[in-house]
């Protein structure tokens, strides 16, 4: 049977280059856009914030032929790594602007006019913003007057995520969070729908802003060809670069409160941490025994490392949103010990059946669960099988794809 392509055009806007899909945010956007592009006409416009060279040419293999891809090149220079006098100037400008950082970086009448003309002349029927900051690039009220549907995908509750994920002086962090809160509130009130990929975020936004247009859908992710199998490698894996504060915070929590007690009972085990690590963090971790830092791994190396683990830990406590590193482990059918905070990103899905992983935010219980994983291979095997089934049915299923397509096209007039 020949599949009929839906000719309604959808434009996805994102503030980052989503290929290669090497982290949680990129994966959540990339796999969803790719899957939808196989069913419907899709355009993807990415803001090339890092001013990367040859983005489209070097990543052709990631994009199906049905997907039209374009870039918005940087039009305001960011100040990361800039001389101190430029940082001070930019900081004063930010302070007086009344805008949050991303809103300031994306403000351009010329870019907005060009993008709006593109949307109207290309007969775009749906515009999807991958975060609320992107509303700065378009005129939402005008698009809605033109009967163009505008949706916001919330990967996190942005103002909460900001406070949890960055370490800044309190007065700066509080002011920036307040500005993000106001922007988030305004955008959510303007769009047709806000889709959260974490059930907890959906509840939080509904309660915080009192709007009925916020809903939850599971992330649309890809099933894995390879699968974890029972082993006695005595390797416990954590995936994620430690330059990201919630990752570093979670690992330090594990090392400070749990790791030494675990080694007393299982001295032959190693904690393997993947991803780039700064010299300062390396020194910080050097005092803890049986910790291996792999540094950056290719996609193939990372997959081999994960599948070779006896089990995975996701000790993340900071930051809102769904923890993709948890879902990635489940996608391979790997047994996992994680926190209650990570569990809340999948809570309503998981409560429909037996939870296919162990979770707790209590250090003593976390230790107990790790010990059970180390001593009971039958338990690991059972959880691994349940994890794979749960992931494929919830996140990588045709049912989930149809739910996304239905919500994207809801109420569109021909």
Protein backbone atom coordinates (compact mmCIF):
# COMPACT_ATOMS: atom_id res chain seq x y z
CA UNK A 1 0.00 0.00 0.00
CA UNK A 2 1.42 3.38 -1.04
CA UNK A 3 1.66 5.89 1.80
CA UNK A 4 0.01 9.25 1.01
CA UNK A 5 2.03 12.28 2.11
CA UNK A 6 0.11 14.96 4.03
CA UNK A 7 0.70 18.12 1.99
CA UNK A 8 0.15 20.57 4.86
CA UNK A 9 3.48 22.24 5.59
CA UNK A 10 4.97 22.35 9.07
CA UNK A 11 7.87 24.63 9.99
CA UNK A 12 10.03 23.62 12.97
CA UNK A 13 12.20 26.35 14.52
CA UNK A 14 15.08 25.52 16.86
CA UNK A 15 17.84 27.55 18.52
CA UNK A 16 20.47 24.84 18.06
CA UNK A 17 21.95 22.66 15.36
CA UNK A 18 20.29 19.32 16.08
CA UNK A 19 22.72 17.11 14.15
CA UNK A 20 24.52 15.01 15.03
CA UNK A 21 21.90 14.19 17.72
CA UNK A 22 24.50 13.83 20.49
CA UNK A 23 22.59 15.09 23.53
CA UNK A 24 19.11 14.86 24.97
CA UNK A 25 17.74 18.12 23.58
CA UNK A 26 19.00 17.41 20.07
CA UNK A 27 17.67 13.84 20.14
CA UNK A 28 14.20 14.94 21.26
CA UNK A 29 13.93 17.35 18.34
CA UNK A 30 15.78 15.42 15.65
CA UNK A 31 13.99 12.07 15.92
CA UNK A 32 10.58 13.74 16.11
CA UNK A 33 11.21 16.02 13.10
CA UNK A 34 12.61 13.13 11.06
CA UNK A 35 9.64 10.85 11.83
CA UNK A 36 7.08 13.56 11.04
CA UNK A 37 8.91 14.45 7.80
CA UNK A 38 8.20 10.92 6.56
CA UNK A 39 4.46 11.60 6.93
CA UNK A 40 4.04 15.30 6.14
CA UNK A 41 5.75 18.21 4.38
CA UNK A 42 8.28 19.59 6.85
CA UNK A 43 10.70 22.51 6.85
CA UNK A 44 13.35 22.79 9.55
CA UNK A 45 15.03 26.13 10.30
CA UNK A 46 17.90 26.04 12.82
CA UNK A 47 19.55 29.06 14.43
CA UNK A 48 23.29 28.54 13.94
CA UNK A 49 24.16 29.97 17.35
CA UNK A 50 27.64 28.48 17.44
CA UNK A 51 28.43 29.78 13.95
CA UNK A 52 29.38 26.27 12.83
CA UNK A 53 30.88 25.90 9.36
CA UNK A 54 29.50 23.47 6.75
CA UNK A 55 26.58 22.36 8.94
CA UNK A 56 24.26 21.27 6.13
CA UNK A 57 26.98 19.88 3.86
CA UNK A 58 28.62 17.83 6.62
CA UNK A 59 25.38 16.33 7.96
CA UNK A 60 23.44 15.45 4.81
CA UNK A 61 22.99 11.83 5.85
CA UNK A 62 20.90 12.83 8.86
CA UNK A 63 18.17 14.48 6.81
CA UNK A 64 15.63 12.56 4.69
CA UNK A 65 15.00 13.93 1.21
CA UNK A 66 11.49 14.96 2.21
CA UNK A 67 12.89 17.41 4.79
CA UNK A 68 13.78 20.95 3.71
CA UNK A 69 16.51 22.40 5.97
CA UNK A 70 17.78 25.98 6.33
CA UNK A 71 19.86 28.02 8.76
CA UNK A 72 19.58 31.42 10.41
CA UNK A 73 23.10 32.67 10.85
CA UNK A 74 24.06 34.61 14.02
CA UNK A 75 23.18 38.30 13.81
CA UNK A 76 24.20 39.25 17.37
CA UNK A 77 27.54 38.21 18.76
CA UNK A 78 27.36 36.32 22.05
CA UNK A 79 29.93 37.17 24.70
CA UNK A 80 31.10 33.72 25.77
CA UNK A 81 34.88 33.81 25.58
CA UNK A 82 34.91 37.51 24.64
CA UNK A 83 37.26 40.07 26.25
CA UNK A 84 36.20 41.37 29.66
CA UNK A 85 35.23 44.85 28.40
CA UNK A 86 32.83 43.36 25.84
CA UNK A 87 31.27 41.15 28.50
CA UNK A 88 30.74 44.17 30.77
CA UNK A 89 29.21 46.16 27.92
CA UNK A 90 26.91 43.28 26.98
CA UNK A 91 25.96 42.75 30.64
CA UNK A 92 24.94 46.40 31.04
CA UNK A 93 23.00 46.24 27.80
CA UNK A 94 21.21 43.08 29.01
CA UNK A 95 20.45 44.70 32.38
CA UNK A 96 18.84 47.76 30.80
CA UNK A 97 17.01 45.88 28.03
CA UNK A 98 14.48 44.15 30.26
CA UNK A 99 14.93 41.02 28.15
CA UNK A 100 16.31 37.61 29.04
CA UNK A 101 19.58 36.60 27.34
CA UNK A 102 18.09 34.46 24.57
CA UNK A 103 15.38 37.02 23.82
CA UNK A 104 18.09 39.65 23.40
CA UNK A 105 20.20 37.39 21.17
CA UNK A 106 17.24 36.60 18.90
CA UNK A 107 15.81 40.12 18.58
CA UNK A 108 16.06 41.38 14.98
CA UNK A 109 13.38 43.22 13.02
CA UNK A 110 15.04 42.22 9.74
CA UNK A 111 15.18 38.49 10.59
CA UNK A 112 11.60 38.54 11.90
CA UNK A 113 10.33 40.26 8.75
CA UNK A 114 12.20 37.77 6.52
CA UNK A 115 10.97 34.75 8.46
CA UNK A 116 7.37 35.97 8.55
CA UNK A 117 7.42 36.54 4.80
CA UNK A 118 8.81 33.01 4.31
CA UNK A 119 6.03 31.51 6.45
CA UNK A 120 3.28 33.39 4.62
CA UNK A 121 4.57 32.92 1.06
CA UNK A 122 5.52 29.23 1.51
CA UNK A 123 1.98 28.43 2.68
CA UNK A 124 3.14 27.09 6.07
CA UNK A 125 0.12 25.85 8.03
CA UNK A 126 1.83 24.99 11.34
CA UNK A 127 4.79 26.63 13.09
CA UNK A 128 6.45 24.67 15.91
CA UNK A 129 8.72 26.51 18.35
CA UNK A 130 11.19 24.21 20.11
CA UNK A 131 11.44 26.64 23.04
CA UNK A 132 9.67 29.87 24.06
CA UNK A 133 12.64 32.09 23.17
CA UNK A 134 11.98 31.46 19.47
CA UNK A 135 8.76 33.48 19.74
CA UNK A 136 11.10 36.49 19.48
CA UNK A 137 11.66 35.61 15.79
CA UNK A 138 8.00 35.64 14.74
CA UNK A 139 4.77 37.57 15.25
CA UNK A 140 2.45 35.02 16.84
CA UNK A 141 -0.73 37.19 16.85
CA UNK A 142 -0.32 37.94 13.14
CA UNK A 143 0.21 34.26 12.31
CA UNK A 144 -2.92 33.31 14.21
CA UNK A 145 -4.90 36.02 12.39
CA UNK A 146 -3.73 34.31 9.18
CA UNK A 147 -5.10 31.02 10.59
CA UNK A 148 -1.62 29.56 10.93
CA UNK A 149 -1.34 27.22 13.87
CA UNK A 150 1.50 27.96 16.33
CA UNK A 151 2.66 25.36 18.84
CA UNK A 152 5.32 25.47 21.54
CA UNK A 153 7.25 22.36 22.55
CA UNK A 154 8.57 22.71 26.11
CA UNK A 155 11.61 20.48 26.66
CA UNK A 156 11.81 21.97 30.17
CA UNK A 157 10.06 24.53 32.31
CA UNK A 158 12.61 27.06 31.16
CA UNK A 159 12.75 29.39 34.16
CA UNK A 160 13.12 26.45 36.55
CA UNK A 161 15.67 24.78 34.29
CA UNK A 162 17.72 27.98 34.23
CA UNK A 163 17.87 28.21 38.01
CA UNK A 164 18.81 24.53 38.37
CA UNK A 165 21.28 24.26 35.51
CA UNK A 166 23.56 27.28 35.84
CA UNK A 167 25.74 28.57 38.65
CA UNK A 168 25.51 32.37 38.65
CA UNK A 169 25.45 35.05 41.35
CA UNK A 170 22.03 34.98 43.01
CA UNK A 171 20.96 38.47 41.94
CA UNK A 172 21.76 37.77 38.27
CA UNK A 173 20.16 34.32 38.30
CA UNK A 174 17.00 35.62 39.98
CA UNK A 175 16.62 38.54 37.55
CA UNK A 176 17.20 36.34 34.49
CA UNK A 177 14.79 33.67 35.78
CA UNK A 178 12.12 36.34 36.35
CA UNK A 179 12.52 37.57 32.77
CA UNK A 180 12.36 34.01 31.41
CA UNK A 181 9.23 33.42 33.50
CA UNK A 182 7.52 36.48 32.01
CA UNK A 183 8.48 35.49 28.47
CA UNK A 184 7.35 31.90 29.02
CA UNK A 185 4.02 33.08 30.44
CA UNK A 186 3.42 35.44 27.50
CA UNK A 187 4.28 32.88 24.83
CA UNK A 188 2.21 30.09 26.38
CA UNK A 189 -0.79 32.45 26.46
CA UNK A 190 -0.33 33.30 22.75
CA UNK A 191 0.23 29.91 21.08
CA UNK A 192 -2.52 27.47 20.13
CA UNK A 193 -0.97 24.66 22.15
CA UNK A 194 1.97 23.98 24.44
CA UNK A 195 3.25 20.40 24.34
CA UNK A 196 5.39 19.21 27.24
CA UNK A 197 7.50 16.09 26.84
CA UNK A 198 7.58 15.60 30.61
CA UNK A 199 4.29 14.92 32.45
CA UNK A 200 5.58 16.77 35.53
CA UNK A 201 6.39 19.85 33.43
CA UNK A 202 2.86 19.78 32.02
CA UNK A 203 1.39 19.80 35.50
CA UNK A 204 3.78 22.53 36.69
CA UNK A 205 2.99 24.83 33.77
CA UNK A 206 -0.75 24.36 34.13
CA UNK A 207 -0.55 25.23 37.82
CA UNK A 208 1.90 28.12 37.38
CA UNK A 209 0.19 29.88 34.47
CA UNK A 210 -3.39 28.66 34.82
CA UNK A 211 -3.90 27.85 31.13
CA UNK A 212 -5.81 24.95 29.62
CA UNK A 213 -3.80 24.71 26.39
CA UNK A 214 -0.87 22.83 27.96
CA UNK A 215 -0.73 19.08 27.36
CA UNK A 216 1.71 16.18 27.55
CA UNK A 217 3.00 13.83 24.87
CA UNK A 218 5.91 11.40 25.26
CA UNK A 219 9.04 12.30 23.28
CA UNK A 220 9.05 10.73 19.83
CA UNK A 221 12.26 8.70 19.73
CA UNK A 222 13.84 5.97 17.65
CA UNK A 223 14.00 2.27 18.49
CA UNK A 224 17.48 0.72 18.70
CA UNK A 225 18.73 -2.12 16.54
CA UNK A 226 21.06 -3.46 19.23
CA UNK A 227 20.02 -4.63 22.66
CA UNK A 228 21.72 -5.11 26.04
CA UNK A 229 22.24 -8.68 27.20
CA UNK A 230 22.94 -10.11 30.61
CA UNK A 231 26.62 -9.83 31.56
CA UNK A 232 29.06 -9.71 34.47
CA UNK A 233 31.26 -6.86 33.23
CA UNK A 234 31.26 -5.19 36.68
CA UNK A 235 31.02 -1.84 34.92
CA UNK A 236 28.43 0.75 35.93
CA UNK A 237 27.98 3.45 33.31
CA UNK A 238 26.92 7.08 33.52
CA UNK A 239 26.55 8.91 30.20
CA UNK A 240 26.81 12.68 29.94
CA UNK A 241 29.39 15.43 29.85
CA UNK A 242 30.25 16.88 33.24
CA UNK A 243 30.45 20.43 31.89
CA UNK A 244 26.65 20.38 32.25
CA UNK A 245 25.98 21.25 35.87
CA UNK A 246 23.05 18.85 36.57
CA UNK A 247 25.27 15.96 35.36
CA UNK A 248 28.18 17.04 37.57
CA UNK A 249 25.89 17.63 40.53
CA UNK A 250 24.34 14.16 40.13
CA UNK A 251 27.68 12.38 39.86
CA UNK A 252 29.07 14.21 42.89
CA UNK A 253 25.96 13.23 44.86
CA UNK A 254 26.57 9.59 43.93
CA UNK A 255 30.28 9.71 44.73
CA UNK A 256 29.92 11.59 48.01
CA UNK A 257 26.99 9.68 49.47
CA UNK A 258 26.95 6.21 47.91
CA UNK A 259 30.05 5.12 46.01
CA UNK A 260 32.44 4.29 48.86
CA UNK A 261 29.80 2.19 50.65
CA UNK A 262 29.07 0.34 47.42
CA UNK A 263 32.77 -0.46 46.91
CA UNK A 264 33.00 -1.90 50.41
CA UNK A 265 30.62 -4.62 49.27
CA UNK A 266 31.64 -4.83 45.59
CA UNK A 267 35.29 -3.72 45.36
CA UNK A 268 35.83 -5.05 41.82
CA UNK A 269 33.31 -2.72 40.20
CA UNK A 270 34.11 0.45 38.24
CA UNK A 271 32.06 3.55 37.58
CA UNK A 272 32.54 4.54 33.92
CA UNK A 273 31.71 8.18 33.09
CA UNK A 274 31.47 9.08 29.41
CA UNK A 275 31.79 12.51 27.80
CA UNK A 276 34.20 15.42 27.90
CA UNK A 277 35.63 16.39 31.30
CA UNK A 278 37.61 19.52 32.12
CA UNK A 279 40.95 19.34 33.92
CA UNK A 280 39.39 20.96 37.00
CA UNK A 281 36.68 18.29 37.18
CA UNK A 282 39.26 15.54 36.59
CA UNK A 283 41.15 16.73 39.67
CA UNK A 284 37.91 16.80 41.62
CA UNK A 285 37.11 13.20 40.69
CA UNK A 286 40.66 11.88 41.15
CA UNK A 287 40.13 11.38 44.90
CA UNK A 288 37.44 8.76 44.29
CA UNK A 289 38.61 5.17 43.60
CA UNK A 290 37.49 2.94 40.74
CA UNK A 291 36.22 5.78 38.56
CA UNK A 292 37.08 5.71 34.86
CA UNK A 293 36.70 8.75 32.61
CA UNK A 294 36.40 7.81 28.94
CA UNK A 295 36.46 11.32 27.49
CA UNK A 296 34.55 11.99 24.29
CA UNK A 297 33.19 8.88 22.56
CA UNK A 298 31.89 8.44 19.05
CA UNK A 299 28.28 7.26 18.71
CA UNK A 300 29.50 3.70 18.08
CA UNK A 301 31.88 3.77 21.04
CA UNK A 302 29.16 5.13 23.31
CA UNK A 303 26.73 2.42 22.23
CA UNK A 304 29.36 -0.28 22.85
CA UNK A 305 30.07 1.18 26.28
CA UNK A 306 26.41 1.25 27.27
CA UNK A 307 25.65 -2.25 26.04
CA UNK A 308 28.76 -3.54 27.79
CA UNK A 309 27.64 -2.18 31.17
CA UNK A 310 26.22 -4.46 33.83
CA UNK A 311 23.79 -1.63 34.60
CA UNK A 312 23.45 2.16 34.24
CA UNK A 313 23.01 4.86 36.87
CA UNK A 314 21.16 8.15 36.28
CA UNK A 315 21.60 10.03 39.58
CA UNK A 316 20.21 13.33 38.26
CA UNK A 317 18.48 15.55 40.81
CA UNK A 318 18.74 19.03 39.25
CA UNK A 319 16.89 20.38 36.23
CA UNK A 320 13.33 19.97 34.95
CA UNK A 321 12.19 17.99 31.93
CA UNK A 322 12.56 14.39 30.88
CA UNK A 323 16.02 12.85 31.38
CA UNK A 324 16.91 11.51 27.94
CA UNK A 325 19.85 9.54 29.33
CA UNK A 326 17.29 7.47 31.25
CA UNK A 327 15.20 6.89 28.12
CA UNK A 328 18.32 6.06 26.10
CA UNK A 329 19.25 3.33 28.57
CA UNK A 330 15.70 1.97 28.44
CA UNK A 331 15.84 1.98 24.63
CA UNK A 332 18.72 -0.54 24.73
CA UNK A 333 16.98 -2.59 27.42
CA UNK A 334 19.63 -1.76 30.03
CA UNK A 335 18.79 -2.11 33.74
CA UNK A 336 18.84 1.30 35.44
CA UNK A 337 19.00 2.80 38.92
CA UNK A 338 17.82 6.41 38.89
CA UNK A 339 16.31 9.13 41.09
CA UNK A 340 12.76 10.17 41.84
CA UNK A 341 13.44 13.42 39.99
CA UNK A 342 14.31 11.49 36.81
CA UNK A 343 11.31 9.20 37.30
CA UNK A 344 8.93 12.18 37.27
CA UNK A 345 9.78 12.70 33.59
CA UNK A 346 8.13 9.34 32.76
CA UNK A 347 5.91 8.92 35.80
CA UNK A 348 2.47 8.82 34.19
CA UNK A 349 3.63 6.42 31.51
CA UNK A 350 5.40 4.15 33.97
CA UNK A 351 2.48 4.00 36.39
CA UNK A 352 0.40 2.21 33.74
CA UNK A 353 2.49 -0.90 34.38
CA UNK A 354 5.38 -2.11 36.49
CA UNK A 355 8.13 0.50 36.49
CA UNK A 356 10.97 -1.00 34.39
CA UNK A 357 13.79 0.45 36.49
CA UNK A 358 14.62 1.18 40.12
CA UNK A 359 14.29 4.72 41.41
CA UNK A 360 14.77 6.61 44.66
CA UNK A 361 16.30 9.90 45.79
CA UNK A 362 17.29 8.48 49.17
CA UNK A 363 21.05 7.68 49.19
CA UNK A 364 20.61 4.58 51.37
CA UNK A 365 17.94 3.13 49.08
CA UNK A 366 19.96 4.07 45.99
CA UNK A 367 22.87 2.09 47.46
CA UNK A 368 20.59 -0.85 48.17
CA UNK A 369 19.27 -0.84 44.61
CA UNK A 370 22.80 -0.73 43.18
CA UNK A 371 23.75 -3.69 45.36
CA UNK A 372 20.73 -5.63 44.15
CA UNK A 373 21.72 -4.96 40.55
CA UNK A 374 25.26 -6.14 41.26
CA UNK A 375 24.17 -9.34 43.00
CA UNK A 376 21.05 -10.42 41.10
CA UNK A 377 21.59 -10.99 37.38
CA UNK A 378 18.10 -12.41 36.99
CA UNK A 379 16.70 -9.09 38.24
CA UNK A 380 18.89 -7.19 35.76
CA UNK A 381 17.73 -9.39 32.92
CA UNK A 382 14.03 -9.02 33.81
CA UNK A 383 14.26 -5.24 34.16
CA UNK A 384 16.18 -4.99 30.92
CA UNK A 385 13.51 -6.89 28.99
CA UNK A 386 10.72 -4.82 30.54
CA UNK A 387 12.63 -1.59 29.82
CA UNK A 388 12.97 -2.37 26.10
CA UNK A 389 9.28 -3.28 25.75
CA UNK A 390 8.22 -0.17 27.69
CA UNK A 391 10.40 2.16 25.60
CA UNK A 392 9.31 0.79 22.22
CA UNK A 393 5.62 0.89 23.14
CA UNK A 394 5.71 4.35 24.72
CA UNK A 395 8.24 6.42 22.77
CA UNK A 396 9.10 4.65 19.49
CA UNK A 397 5.62 3.45 18.52
CA UNK A 398 3.35 4.33 15.59
CA UNK A 399 0.74 5.21 18.22
CA UNK A 400 2.98 7.96 19.61
CA UNK A 401 3.72 9.25 16.10
CA UNK A 402 0.00 9.41 15.29
CA UNK A 403 -0.66 11.31 18.53
CA UNK A 404 1.94 13.94 17.55
CA UNK A 405 0.56 14.25 14.01
CA UNK A 406 -2.99 14.61 15.30
CA UNK A 407 -2.05 17.36 17.75
CA UNK A 408 0.05 19.23 15.19
CA UNK A 409 -2.82 19.27 12.68
CA UNK A 410 -5.65 19.78 15.15
CA UNK A 411 -8.25 22.28 13.97
CA UNK A 412 -6.49 23.27 10.72
CA UNK A 413 -8.95 24.67 8.17
CA UNK A 414 -8.47 23.75 4.52
